[in-house]
PDB file of all heavy atoms in Angstrom:
ATOM      1  N   GLY A   1       0.810  -1.233   0.020  1.00  0.00           N
ATOM      2  CA  GLY A   1      -0.010  -0.003  -0.020  1.00  0.00           C
ATOM      3  C   GLY A   1       0.831   1.280   0.008  1.00  0.00           C
ATOM      4  O   GLY A   1       0.490   2.269  -0.676  1.00  0.00           O
ATOM      5  N   TYR A   2       1.931   1.227   0.768  1.00  0.00           N
ATOM      6  CA  TYR A   2       2.848   2.394   0.745  1.00  0.00           C
ATOM      7  C   TYR A   2       3.485   2.549  -0.616  1.00  0.00           C
ATOM      8  O   TYR A   2       3.602   3.737  -1.072  1.00  0.00           O
ATOM      9  CB  TYR A   2       3.950   2.227   1.792  1.00  0.00           C
ATOM     10  CG  TYR A   2       3.526   2.391   3.209  1.00  0.00           C
ATOM     11  CD1 TYR A   2       3.364   1.243   4.055  1.00  0.00           C
ATOM     12  CD2 TYR A   2       3.235   3.653   3.733  1.00  0.00           C
ATOM     13  CE1 TYR A   2       2.973   1.393   5.375  1.00  0.00           C
ATOM     14  CE2 TYR A   2       2.872   3.786   5.078  1.00  0.00           C
ATOM     15  CZ  TYR A   2       2.722   2.695   5.889  1.00  0.00           C
ATOM     16  OH  TYR A   2       2.296   2.832   7.197  1.00  0.00           O
ATOM     17  N   ARG A   3       3.880   1.525  -1.224  1.00  0.00           N
ATOM     18  CA  ARG A   3       4.447   1.636  -2.602  1.00  0.00           C
ATOM     19  C   ARG A   3       3.433   2.153  -3.569  1.00  0.00           C
ATOM     20  O   ARG A   3       3.706   3.069  -4.401  1.00  0.00           O
ATOM     21  CB  ARG A   3       4.937   0.234  -3.048  1.00  0.00           C
ATOM     22  CG  ARG A   3       5.556   0.243  -4.458  1.00  0.00           C
ATOM     23  CD  ARG A   3       5.514  -1.129  -5.074  1.00  0.00           C
ATOM     24  NE  ARG A   3       4.176  -1.699  -5.108  1.00  0.00           N
ATOM     25  CZ  ARG A   3       3.884  -2.990  -5.244  1.00  0.00           C
ATOM     26  NH1 ARG A   3       4.818  -3.863  -5.307  1.00  0.00           N
ATOM     27  NH2 ARG A   3       2.604  -3.417  -5.267  1.00  0.00           N
ATOM     28  N   ASP A   4       2.220   1.624  -3.533  1.00  0.00           N
ATOM     29  CA  ASP A   4       1.176   2.001  -4.457  1.00  0.00           C
ATOM     30  C   ASP A   4       0.737   3.492  -4.279  1.00  0.00           C
ATOM     31  O   ASP A   4       0.432   4.144  -5.227  1.00  0.00           O
ATOM     32  CB  ASP A   4      -0.057   1.077  -4.360  1.00  0.00           C
ATOM     33  CG  ASP A   4       0.302  -0.330  -4.719  1.00  0.00           C
ATOM     34  OD1 ASP A   4       1.276  -0.567  -5.379  1.00  0.00           O
ATOM     35  OD2 ASP A   4      -0.456  -1.262  -4.310  1.00  0.00           O
ATOM     36  N   GLU A   5       0.768   3.914  -3.033  1.00  0.00           N
ATOM     37  CA  GLU A   5       0.455   5.316  -2.675  1.00  0.00           C
ATOM     38  C   GLU A   5       1.505   6.234  -3.366  1.00  0.00           C
ATOM     39  O   GLU A   5       1.176   7.279  -3.932  1.00  0.00           O
ATOM     40  CB  GLU A   5       0.501   5.460  -1.183  1.00  0.00           C
ATOM     41  CG  GLU A   5      -0.255   6.662  -0.629  1.00  0.00           C
ATOM     42  CD  GLU A   5      -0.277   6.604   0.870  1.00  0.00           C
ATOM     43  OE1 GLU A   5       0.795   6.631   1.491  1.00  0.00           O
ATOM     44  OE2 GLU A   5      -1.348   6.511   1.446  1.00  0.00           O
ATOM     45  N   ALA A   6       2.777   5.808  -3.246  1.00  0.00           N
ATOM     46  CA  ALA A   6       3.864   6.610  -3.861  1.00  0.00           C
ATOM     47  C   ALA A   6       3.729   6.460  -5.419  1.00  0.00           C
ATOM     48  O   ALA A   6       4.036   7.444  -6.093  1.00  0.00           O
ATOM     49  CB  ALA A   6       5.217   6.033  -3.445  1.00  0.00           C
ATOM     50  N   GLY A   7       3.272   5.345  -5.924  1.00  0.00           N
ATOM     51  CA  GLY A   7       3.182   5.172  -7.340  1.00  0.00           C
ATOM     52  C   GLY A   7       2.133   6.101  -7.913  1.00  0.00           C
ATOM     53  O   GLY A   7       2.293   6.636  -9.067  1.00  0.00           O
ATOM     54  N   ALA A   8       1.080   6.385  -7.187  1.00  0.00           N
ATOM     55  CA  ALA A   8       0.110   7.370  -7.678  1.00  0.00           C
ATOM     56  C   ALA A   8       0.666   8.770  -7.691  1.00  0.00           C
ATOM     57  O   ALA A   8       0.330   9.565  -8.545  1.00  0.00           O
ATOM     58  CB  ALA A   8      -1.168   7.271  -6.727  1.00  0.00           C
ATOM     59  N   GLY A   9       1.575   9.040  -6.694  1.00  0.00           N
ATOM     60  CA  GLY A   9       2.262  10.317  -6.718  1.00  0.00           C
ATOM     61  C   GLY A   9       3.209  10.462  -7.929  1.00  0.00           C
ATOM     62  O   GLY A   9       3.300  11.554  -8.555  1.00  0.00           O
ATOM     63  N   LEU A  10       3.851   9.340  -8.288  1.00  0.00           N
ATOM     64  CA  LEU A  10       4.680   9.329  -9.477  1.00  0.00           C
ATOM     65  C   LEU A  10       3.863   9.623 -10.761  1.00  0.00           C
ATOM     66  O   LEU A  10       4.299  10.443 -11.605  1.00  0.00           O
ATOM     67  CB  LEU A  10       5.378   7.970  -9.613  1.00  0.00           C
ATOM     68  CG  LEU A  10       6.254   7.772 -10.826  1.00  0.00           C
ATOM     69  CD1 LEU A  10       7.418   8.754 -10.858  1.00  0.00           C
ATOM     70  CD2 LEU A  10       6.811   6.323 -10.920  1.00  0.00           C
ATOM     71  N   ALA A  11       2.690   9.028 -10.831  1.00  0.00           N
ATOM     72  CA  ALA A  11       1.794   9.268 -11.955  1.00  0.00           C
ATOM     73  C   ALA A  11       1.363  10.698 -12.013  1.00  0.00           C
ATOM     74  O   ALA A  11       1.253  11.343 -13.081  1.00  0.00           O
ATOM     75  CB  ALA A  11       0.553   8.354 -11.865  1.00  0.00           C
ATOM     76  N   PHE A  12       1.130  11.314 -10.852  1.00  0.00           N
ATOM     77  CA  PHE A  12       0.782  12.708 -10.742  1.00  0.00           C
ATOM     78  C   PHE A  12       1.903  13.544 -11.371  1.00  0.00           C
ATOM     79  O   PHE A  12       1.598  14.524 -12.166  1.00  0.00           O
ATOM     80  CB  PHE A  12       0.562  13.142  -9.312  1.00  0.00           C
ATOM     81  CG  PHE A  12       0.279  14.587  -9.115  1.00  0.00           C
ATOM     82  CD1 PHE A  12      -1.069  15.050  -9.027  1.00  0.00           C
ATOM     83  CD2 PHE A  12       1.311  15.527  -8.936  1.00  0.00           C
ATOM     84  CE1 PHE A  12      -1.372  16.449  -8.880  1.00  0.00           C
ATOM     85  CE2 PHE A  12       0.990  16.889  -8.728  1.00  0.00           C
ATOM     86  CZ  PHE A  12      -0.337  17.302  -8.698  1.00  0.00           C
ATOM     87  N   LEU A  13       3.153  13.325 -11.033  1.00  0.00           N
ATOM     88  CA  LEU A  13       4.256  14.103 -11.575  1.00  0.00           C
ATOM     89  C   LEU A  13       4.389  13.924 -13.059  1.00  0.00           C
ATOM     90  O   LEU A  13       4.624  14.877 -13.800  1.00  0.00           O
ATOM     91  CB  LEU A  13       5.517  13.700 -10.841  1.00  0.00           C
ATOM     92  CG  LEU A  13       5.814  14.384  -9.497  1.00  0.00           C
ATOM     93  CD1 LEU A  13       7.172  13.844  -8.931  1.00  0.00           C
ATOM     94  CD2 LEU A  13       5.934  15.910  -9.624  1.00  0.00           C
ATOM     95  N   LEU A  14       4.298  12.653 -13.501  1.00  0.00           N
ATOM     96  CA  LEU A  14       4.493  12.344 -14.951  1.00  0.00           C
ATOM     97  C   LEU A  14       3.480  13.115 -15.802  1.00  0.00           C
ATOM     98  O   LEU A  14       3.772  13.477 -16.953  1.00  0.00           O
ATOM     99  CB  LEU A  14       4.407  10.873 -15.171  1.00  0.00           C
ATOM    100  CG  LEU A  14       5.547   9.999 -14.657  1.00  0.00           C
ATOM    101  CD1 LEU A  14       5.193   8.537 -14.691  1.00  0.00           C
ATOM    102  CD2 LEU A  14       6.774  10.283 -15.525  1.00  0.00           C
ATOM    103  N   ALA A  15       2.289  13.387 -15.226  1.00  0.00           N
ATOM    104  CA  ALA A  15       1.224  13.995 -15.987  1.00  0.00           C
ATOM    105  C   ALA A  15       1.220  15.540 -15.817  1.00  0.00           C
ATOM    106  O   ALA A  15       0.474  16.220 -16.475  1.00  0.00           O
ATOM    107  CB  ALA A  15      -0.143  13.438 -15.527  1.00  0.00           C
ATOM    108  N   HIS A  16       2.120  16.071 -14.926  1.00  0.00           N
ATOM    109  CA  HIS A  16       2.086  17.499 -14.588  1.00  0.00           C
ATOM    110  C   HIS A  16       2.596  18.304 -15.827  1.00  0.00           C
ATOM    111  O   HIS A  16       3.629  17.943 -16.431  1.00  0.00           O
ATOM    112  CB  HIS A  16       2.946  17.740 -13.375  1.00  0.00           C
ATOM    113  CG  HIS A  16       2.694  19.079 -12.733  1.00  0.00           C
ATOM    114  ND1 HIS A  16       3.135  20.263 -13.344  1.00  0.00           N
ATOM    115  CD2 HIS A  16       2.007  19.429 -11.651  1.00  0.00           C
ATOM    116  CE1 HIS A  16       2.819  21.260 -12.536  1.00  0.00           C
ATOM    117  NE2 HIS A  16       2.123  20.827 -11.501  1.00  0.00           N
ATOM    118  N   GLU A  17       1.987  19.366 -16.116  1.00  0.00           N
ATOM    119  CA  GLU A  17       2.301  20.153 -17.293  1.00  0.00           C
ATOM    120  C   GLU A  17       3.697  20.809 -17.255  1.00  0.00           C
ATOM    121  O   GLU A  17       4.263  21.083 -18.284  1.00  0.00           O
ATOM    122  CB  GLU A  17       1.233  21.244 -17.498  1.00  0.00           C
ATOM    123  CG  GLU A  17       1.168  22.294 -16.323  1.00  0.00           C
ATOM    124  CD  GLU A  17       0.114  23.364 -16.588  1.00  0.00           C
ATOM    125  OE1 GLU A  17      -0.585  23.229 -17.629  1.00  0.00           O
ATOM    126  OE2 GLU A  17       0.015  24.231 -15.737  1.00  0.00           O
ATOM    127  N   ALA A  18       4.263  20.952 -16.005  1.00  0.00           N
ATOM    128  CA  ALA A  18       5.535  21.563 -15.912  1.00  0.00           C
ATOM    129  C   ALA A  18       6.687  20.566 -15.789  1.00  0.00           C
ATOM    130  O   ALA A  18       7.816  20.962 -15.678  1.00  0.00           O
ATOM    131  CB  ALA A  18       5.599  22.442 -14.648  1.00  0.00           C
ATOM    132  N   VAL A  19       6.373  19.297 -15.923  1.00  0.00           N
ATOM    133  CA  VAL A  19       7.384  18.239 -15.693  1.00  0.00           C
ATOM    134  C   VAL A  19       7.821  17.603 -16.996  1.00  0.00           C
ATOM    135  O   VAL A  19       7.019  17.283 -17.929  1.00  0.00           O
ATOM    136  CB  VAL A  19       6.813  17.147 -14.798  1.00  0.00           C
ATOM    137  CG1 VAL A  19       7.722  15.935 -14.772  1.00  0.00           C
ATOM    138  CG2 VAL A  19       6.621  17.670 -13.373  1.00  0.00           C
ATOM    139  N   ASP A  20       9.148  17.423 -17.154  1.00  0.00           N
ATOM    140  CA  ASP A  20       9.719  16.644 -18.221  1.00  0.00           C
ATOM    141  C   ASP A  20       9.618  15.148 -17.871  1.00  0.00           C
ATOM    142  O   ASP A  20      10.336  14.737 -16.931  1.00  0.00           O
ATOM    143  CB  ASP A  20      11.163  17.042 -18.465  1.00  0.00           C
ATOM    144  CG  ASP A  20      11.854  16.259 -19.576  1.00  0.00           C
ATOM    145  OD1 ASP A  20      11.263  15.283 -20.073  1.00  0.00           O
ATOM    146  OD2 ASP A  20      12.937  16.671 -19.980  1.00  0.00           O
ATOM    147  N   PRO A  21       8.745  14.410 -18.432  1.00  0.00           N
ATOM    148  CA  PRO A  21       8.525  13.005 -18.020  1.00  0.00           C
ATOM    149  C   PRO A  21       9.701  12.088 -18.146  1.00  0.00           C
ATOM    150  O   PRO A  21       9.697  10.976 -17.632  1.00  0.00           O
ATOM    151  CB  PRO A  21       7.353  12.514 -18.879  1.00  0.00           C
ATOM    152  CG  PRO A  21       7.406  13.386 -20.104  1.00  0.00           C
ATOM    153  CD  PRO A  21       7.896  14.755 -19.636  1.00  0.00           C
ATOM    154  N   LYS A  22      10.753  12.520 -18.880  1.00  0.00           N
ATOM    155  CA  LYS A  22      11.935  11.712 -19.053  1.00  0.00           C
ATOM    156  C   LYS A  22      12.945  11.980 -17.902  1.00  0.00           C
ATOM    157  O   LYS A  22      14.003  11.361 -17.837  1.00  0.00           O
ATOM    158  CB  LYS A  22      12.570  11.983 -20.399  1.00  0.00           C
ATOM    159  CG  LYS A  22      11.716  11.545 -21.605  1.00  0.00           C
ATOM    160  CD  LYS A  22      12.461  11.829 -22.857  1.00  0.00           C
ATOM    161  CE  LYS A  22      11.594  11.353 -24.068  1.00  0.00           C
ATOM    162  NZ  LYS A  22      12.270  11.623 -25.368  1.00  0.00           N
ATOM    163  N   LYS A  23      12.589  12.943 -17.015  1.00  0.00           N
ATOM    164  CA  LYS A  23      13.564  13.327 -15.943  1.00  0.00           C
ATOM    165  C   LYS A  23      12.832  13.359 -14.587  1.00  0.00           C
ATOM    166  O   LYS A  23      12.907  14.351 -13.908  1.00  0.00           O
ATOM    167  CB  LYS A  23      14.202  14.668 -16.284  1.00  0.00           C
ATOM    168  CG  LYS A  23      15.025  14.676 -17.517  1.00  0.00           C
ATOM    169  CD  LYS A  23      15.636  16.080 -17.796  1.00  0.00           C
ATOM    170  CE  LYS A  23      16.416  16.055 -19.119  1.00  0.00           C
ATOM    171  NZ  LYS A  23      16.979  17.374 -19.408  1.00  0.00           N
ATOM    172  N   VAL A  24      12.209  12.270 -14.253  1.00  0.00           N
ATOM    173  CA  VAL A  24      11.524  12.189 -13.017  1.00  0.00           C
ATOM    174  C   VAL A  24      12.267  11.203 -12.015  1.00  0.00           C
ATOM    175  O   VAL A  24      12.574  10.049 -12.428  1.00  0.00           O
ATOM    176  CB  VAL A  24      10.066  11.668 -13.144  1.00  0.00           C
ATOM    177  CG1 VAL A  24       9.349  11.529 -11.800  1.00  0.00           C
ATOM    178  CG2 VAL A  24       9.257  12.691 -14.006  1.00  0.00           C
ATOM    179  N   PHE A  25      12.641  11.758 -10.902  1.00  0.00           N
ATOM    180  CA  PHE A  25      13.466  10.971  -9.916  1.00  0.00           C
ATOM    181  C   PHE A  25      12.668  10.687  -8.687  1.00  0.00           C
ATOM    182  O   PHE A  25      11.671  11.361  -8.396  1.00  0.00           O
ATOM    183  CB  PHE A  25      14.751  11.793  -9.534  1.00  0.00           C
ATOM    184  CG  PHE A  25      15.576  12.195 -10.728  1.00  0.00           C
ATOM    185  CD1 PHE A  25      15.277  13.257 -11.449  1.00  0.00           C
ATOM    186  CD2 PHE A  25      16.656  11.404 -11.098  1.00  0.00           C
ATOM    187  CE1 PHE A  25      16.108  13.670 -12.553  1.00  0.00           C
ATOM    188  CE2 PHE A  25      17.473  11.726 -12.176  1.00  0.00           C
ATOM    189  CZ  PHE A  25      17.132  12.863 -12.914  1.00  0.00           C
ATOM    190  N   ILE A  26      13.075   9.670  -7.945  1.00  0.00           N
ATOM    191  CA  ILE A  26      12.465   9.299  -6.643  1.00  0.00           C
ATOM    192  C   ILE A  26      13.529   9.463  -5.579  1.00  0.00           C
ATOM    193  O   ILE A  26      14.592   8.835  -5.693  1.00  0.00           O
ATOM    194  CB  ILE A  26      11.870   7.936  -6.640  1.00  0.00           C
ATOM    195  CG1 ILE A  26      10.910   7.689  -7.809  1.00  0.00           C
ATOM    196  CG2 ILE A  26      11.102   7.683  -5.329  1.00  0.00           C
ATOM    197  CD1 ILE A  26      10.415   6.258  -7.904  1.00  0.00           C
ATOM    198  N   ALA A  27      13.185  10.178  -4.452  1.00  0.00           N
ATOM    199  CA  ALA A  27      14.063  10.309  -3.298  1.00  0.00           C
ATOM    200  C   ALA A  27      13.363   9.759  -2.094  1.00  0.00           C
ATOM    201  O   ALA A  27      12.303  10.274  -1.729  1.00  0.00           O
ATOM    202  CB  ALA A  27      14.474  11.782  -3.096  1.00  0.00           C
ATOM    203  N   GLY A  28      13.882   8.707  -1.503  1.00  0.00           N
ATOM    204  CA  GLY A  28      13.264   8.066  -0.321  1.00  0.00           C
ATOM    205  C   GLY A  28      14.191   8.150   0.874  1.00  0.00           C
ATOM    206  O   GLY A  28      15.366   7.877   0.795  1.00  0.00           O
ATOM    207  N   HIS A  29      13.617   8.525   2.011  1.00  0.00           N
ATOM    208  CA  HIS A  29      14.407   8.568   3.266  1.00  0.00           C
ATOM    209  C   HIS A  29      14.073   7.380   4.132  1.00  0.00           C
ATOM    210  O   HIS A  29      12.875   7.070   4.374  1.00  0.00           O
ATOM    211  CB  HIS A  29      14.107   9.895   4.005  1.00  0.00           C
ATOM    212  CG  HIS A  29      14.679   9.944   5.362  1.00  0.00           C
ATOM    213  ND1 HIS A  29      13.987  10.042   6.513  1.00  0.00           N
ATOM    214  CD2 HIS A  29      15.993   9.872   5.787  1.00  0.00           C
ATOM    215  CE1 HIS A  29      14.769  10.058   7.549  1.00  0.00           C
ATOM    216  NE2 HIS A  29      16.003   9.965   7.132  1.00  0.00           N
ATOM    217  N   SER A  30      15.118   6.748   4.710  1.00  0.00           N
ATOM    218  CA  SER A  30      14.878   5.627   5.620  1.00  0.00           C
ATOM    219  C   SER A  30      13.998   4.563   5.021  1.00  0.00           C
ATOM    220  O   SER A  30      14.260   4.119   3.892  1.00  0.00           O
ATOM    221  CB  SER A  30      14.388   6.205   6.965  1.00  0.00           C
ATOM    222  OG  SER A  30      14.266   5.189   7.949  1.00  0.00           O
ATOM    223  N   GLU A  31      12.911   4.232   5.717  1.00  0.00           N
ATOM    224  CA  GLU A  31      11.997   3.253   5.119  1.00  0.00           C
ATOM    225  C   GLU A  31      11.454   3.692   3.760  1.00  0.00           C
ATOM    226  O   GLU A  31      11.138   2.857   2.911  1.00  0.00           O
ATOM    227  CB  GLU A  31      10.844   2.980   6.096  1.00  0.00           C
ATOM    228  CG  GLU A  31       9.829   1.910   5.641  1.00  0.00           C
ATOM    229  CD  GLU A  31       8.612   1.860   6.516  1.00  0.00           C
ATOM    230  OE1 GLU A  31       8.767   1.524   7.700  1.00  0.00           O
ATOM    231  OE2 GLU A  31       7.520   2.104   6.004  1.00  0.00           O
ATOM    232  N   GLY A  32      11.345   4.991   3.610  1.00  0.00           N
ATOM    233  CA  GLY A  32      10.873   5.498   2.307  1.00  0.00           C
ATOM    234  C   GLY A  32      11.727   5.092   1.144  1.00  0.00           C
ATOM    235  O   GLY A  32      11.307   4.956  -0.014  1.00  0.00           O
ATOM    236  N   GLY A  33      13.030   4.892   1.423  1.00  0.00           N
ATOM    237  CA  GLY A  33      13.951   4.326   0.406  1.00  0.00           C
ATOM    238  C   GLY A  33      13.588   2.966  -0.063  1.00  0.00           C
ATOM    239  O   GLY A  33      13.768   2.604  -1.250  1.00  0.00           O
ATOM    240  N   LEU A  34      13.068   2.152   0.876  1.00  0.00           N
ATOM    241  CA  LEU A  34      12.612   0.792   0.480  1.00  0.00           C
ATOM    242  C   LEU A  34      11.432   0.859  -0.457  1.00  0.00           C
ATOM    243  O   LEU A  34      11.374   0.091  -1.457  1.00  0.00           O
ATOM    244  CB  LEU A  34      12.250  -0.002   1.762  1.00  0.00           C
ATOM    245  CG  LEU A  34      13.400  -0.200   2.788  1.00  0.00           C
ATOM    246  CD1 LEU A  34      12.923  -1.005   3.960  1.00  0.00           C
ATOM    247  CD2 LEU A  34      14.659  -0.828   2.146  1.00  0.00           C
ATOM    248  N   HIS A  35      10.495   1.758  -0.150  1.00  0.00           N
ATOM    249  CA  HIS A  35       9.323   1.937  -1.028  1.00  0.00           C
ATOM    250  C   HIS A  35       9.789   2.520  -2.334  1.00  0.00           C
ATOM    251  O   HIS A  35       9.250   2.150  -3.431  1.00  0.00           O
ATOM    252  CB  HIS A  35       8.322   2.877  -0.397  1.00  0.00           C
ATOM    253  CG  HIS A  35       7.849   2.397   0.975  1.00  0.00           C
ATOM    254  ND1 HIS A  35       7.360   1.101   1.183  1.00  0.00           N
ATOM    255  CD2 HIS A  35       7.735   3.047   2.197  1.00  0.00           C
ATOM    256  CE1 HIS A  35       7.043   0.992   2.453  1.00  0.00           C
ATOM    257  NE2 HIS A  35       7.257   2.144   3.080  1.00  0.00           N
ATOM    258  N   ALA A  36      10.775   3.382  -2.353  1.00  0.00           N
ATOM    259  CA  ALA A  36      11.321   3.955  -3.568  1.00  0.00           C
ATOM    260  C   ALA A  36      11.940   2.865  -4.453  1.00  0.00           C
ATOM    261  O   ALA A  36      11.731   2.855  -5.669  1.00  0.00           O
ATOM    262  CB  ALA A  36      12.340   5.029  -3.256  1.00  0.00           C
ATOM    263  N   LEU A  37      12.700   1.949  -3.844  1.00  0.00           N
ATOM    264  CA  LEU A  37      13.310   0.856  -4.563  1.00  0.00           C
ATOM    265  C   LEU A  37      12.258  -0.004  -5.248  1.00  0.00           C
ATOM    266  O   LEU A  37      12.402  -0.364  -6.410  1.00  0.00           O
ATOM    267  CB  LEU A  37      14.189   0.064  -3.631  1.00  0.00           C
ATOM    268  CG  LEU A  37      15.546   0.567  -3.294  1.00  0.00           C
ATOM    269  CD1 LEU A  37      16.134  -0.112  -2.040  1.00  0.00           C
ATOM    270  CD2 LEU A  37      16.523   0.420  -4.459  1.00  0.00           C
ATOM    271  N   ARG A  38      11.227  -0.406  -4.479  1.00  0.00           N
ATOM    272  CA  ARG A  38      10.189  -1.277  -5.011  1.00  0.00           C
ATOM    273  C   ARG A  38       9.394  -0.611  -6.111  1.00  0.00           C
ATOM    274  O   ARG A  38       9.015  -1.236  -7.046  1.00  0.00           O
ATOM    275  CB  ARG A  38       9.290  -1.745  -3.874  1.00  0.00           C
ATOM    276  CG  ARG A  38      10.036  -2.548  -2.759  1.00  0.00           C
ATOM    277  CD  ARG A  38       9.065  -3.065  -1.703  1.00  0.00           C
ATOM    278  NE  ARG A  38       8.242  -4.137  -2.231  1.00  0.00           N
ATOM    279  CZ  ARG A  38       6.964  -4.188  -2.058  1.00  0.00           C
ATOM    280  NH1 ARG A  38       6.295  -3.199  -1.455  1.00  0.00           N
ATOM    281  NH2 ARG A  38       6.280  -5.201  -2.545  1.00  0.00           N
ATOM    282  N   LEU A  39       9.163   0.708  -5.945  1.00  0.00           N
ATOM    283  CA  LEU A  39       8.429   1.463  -6.942  1.00  0.00           C
ATOM    284  C   LEU A  39       9.255   1.532  -8.222  1.00  0.00           C
ATOM    285  O   LEU A  39       8.741   1.328  -9.334  1.00  0.00           O
ATOM    286  CB  LEU A  39       8.096   2.856  -6.411  1.00  0.00           C
ATOM    287  CG  LEU A  39       7.337   3.762  -7.420  1.00  0.00           C
ATOM    288  CD1 LEU A  39       6.095   3.131  -7.936  1.00  0.00           C
ATOM    289  CD2 LEU A  39       7.040   5.112  -6.739  1.00  0.00           C
ATOM    290  N   ALA A  40      10.536   1.856  -8.108  1.00  0.00           N
ATOM    291  CA  ALA A  40      11.378   1.965  -9.260  1.00  0.00           C
ATOM    292  C   ALA A  40      11.459   0.622  -9.992  1.00  0.00           C
ATOM    293  O   ALA A  40      11.540   0.625 -11.239  1.00  0.00           O
ATOM    294  CB  ALA A  40      12.788   2.440  -8.837  1.00  0.00           C
ATOM    295  N   GLN A  41      11.536  -0.471  -9.245  1.00  0.00           N
ATOM    296  CA  GLN A  41      11.558  -1.777  -9.903  1.00  0.00           C
ATOM    297  C   GLN A  41      10.327  -2.120 -10.739  1.00  0.00           C
ATOM    298  O   GLN A  41      10.389  -2.768 -11.756  1.00  0.00           O
ATOM    299  CB  GLN A  41      11.793  -2.859  -8.857  1.00  0.00           C
ATOM    300  CG  GLN A  41      13.161  -2.870  -8.285  1.00  0.00           C
ATOM    301  CD  GLN A  41      13.321  -3.870  -7.100  1.00  0.00           C
ATOM    302  OE1 GLN A  41      12.293  -4.281  -6.448  1.00  0.00           O
ATOM    303  NE2 GLN A  41      14.511  -4.347  -6.846  1.00  0.00           N
ATOM    304  N   SER A  42       9.188  -1.613 -10.213  1.00  0.00           N
ATOM    305  CA  SER A  42       7.888  -1.829 -10.909  1.00  0.00           C
ATOM    306  C   SER A  42       7.616  -0.843 -12.034  1.00  0.00           C
ATOM    307  O   SER A  42       6.696  -1.138 -12.829  1.00  0.00           O
ATOM    308  CB  SER A  42       6.809  -1.882  -9.895  1.00  0.00           C
ATOM    309  OG  SER A  42       6.556  -0.582  -9.349  1.00  0.00           O
ATOM    310  N   ARG A  43       8.354   0.249 -12.046  1.00  0.00           N
ATOM    311  CA  ARG A  43       8.061   1.316 -13.012  1.00  0.00           C
ATOM    312  C   ARG A  43       9.352   1.790 -13.667  1.00  0.00           C
ATOM    313  O   ARG A  43       9.632   2.993 -13.776  1.00  0.00           O
ATOM    314  CB  ARG A  43       7.389   2.514 -12.358  1.00  0.00           C
ATOM    315  CG  ARG A  43       6.058   2.174 -11.631  1.00  0.00           C
ATOM    316  CD  ARG A  43       4.937   2.095 -12.565  1.00  0.00           C
ATOM    317  NE  ARG A  43       4.601   3.396 -13.134  1.00  0.00           N
ATOM    318  CZ  ARG A  43       3.786   4.270 -12.569  1.00  0.00           C
ATOM    319  NH1 ARG A  43       3.221   3.959 -11.422  1.00  0.00           N
ATOM    320  NH2 ARG A  43       3.547   5.414 -13.166  1.00  0.00           N
ATOM    321  N   THR A  44      10.207   0.849 -14.136  1.00  0.00           N
ATOM    322  CA  THR A  44      11.527   1.174 -14.638  1.00  0.00           C
ATOM    323  C   THR A  44      11.457   2.195 -15.815  1.00  0.00           C
ATOM    324  O   THR A  44      12.351   2.978 -15.937  1.00  0.00           O
ATOM    325  CB  THR A  44      12.276  -0.080 -15.108  1.00  0.00           C
ATOM    326  OG1 THR A  44      11.457  -0.813 -16.075  1.00  0.00           O
ATOM    327  CG2 THR A  44      12.514  -1.057 -13.959  1.00  0.00           C
TER     328      THR A  44
END
């Protein structure tokens, strides 16, 4: 659920009019880094 919640945030950024979709990064702190890793693996 934590990963999927972050995944929806990633989709929000990718669709944002001010964002270059080829240059979207994920920064995770502590446990957030684990969710970042799992999200990146599922959305390479």
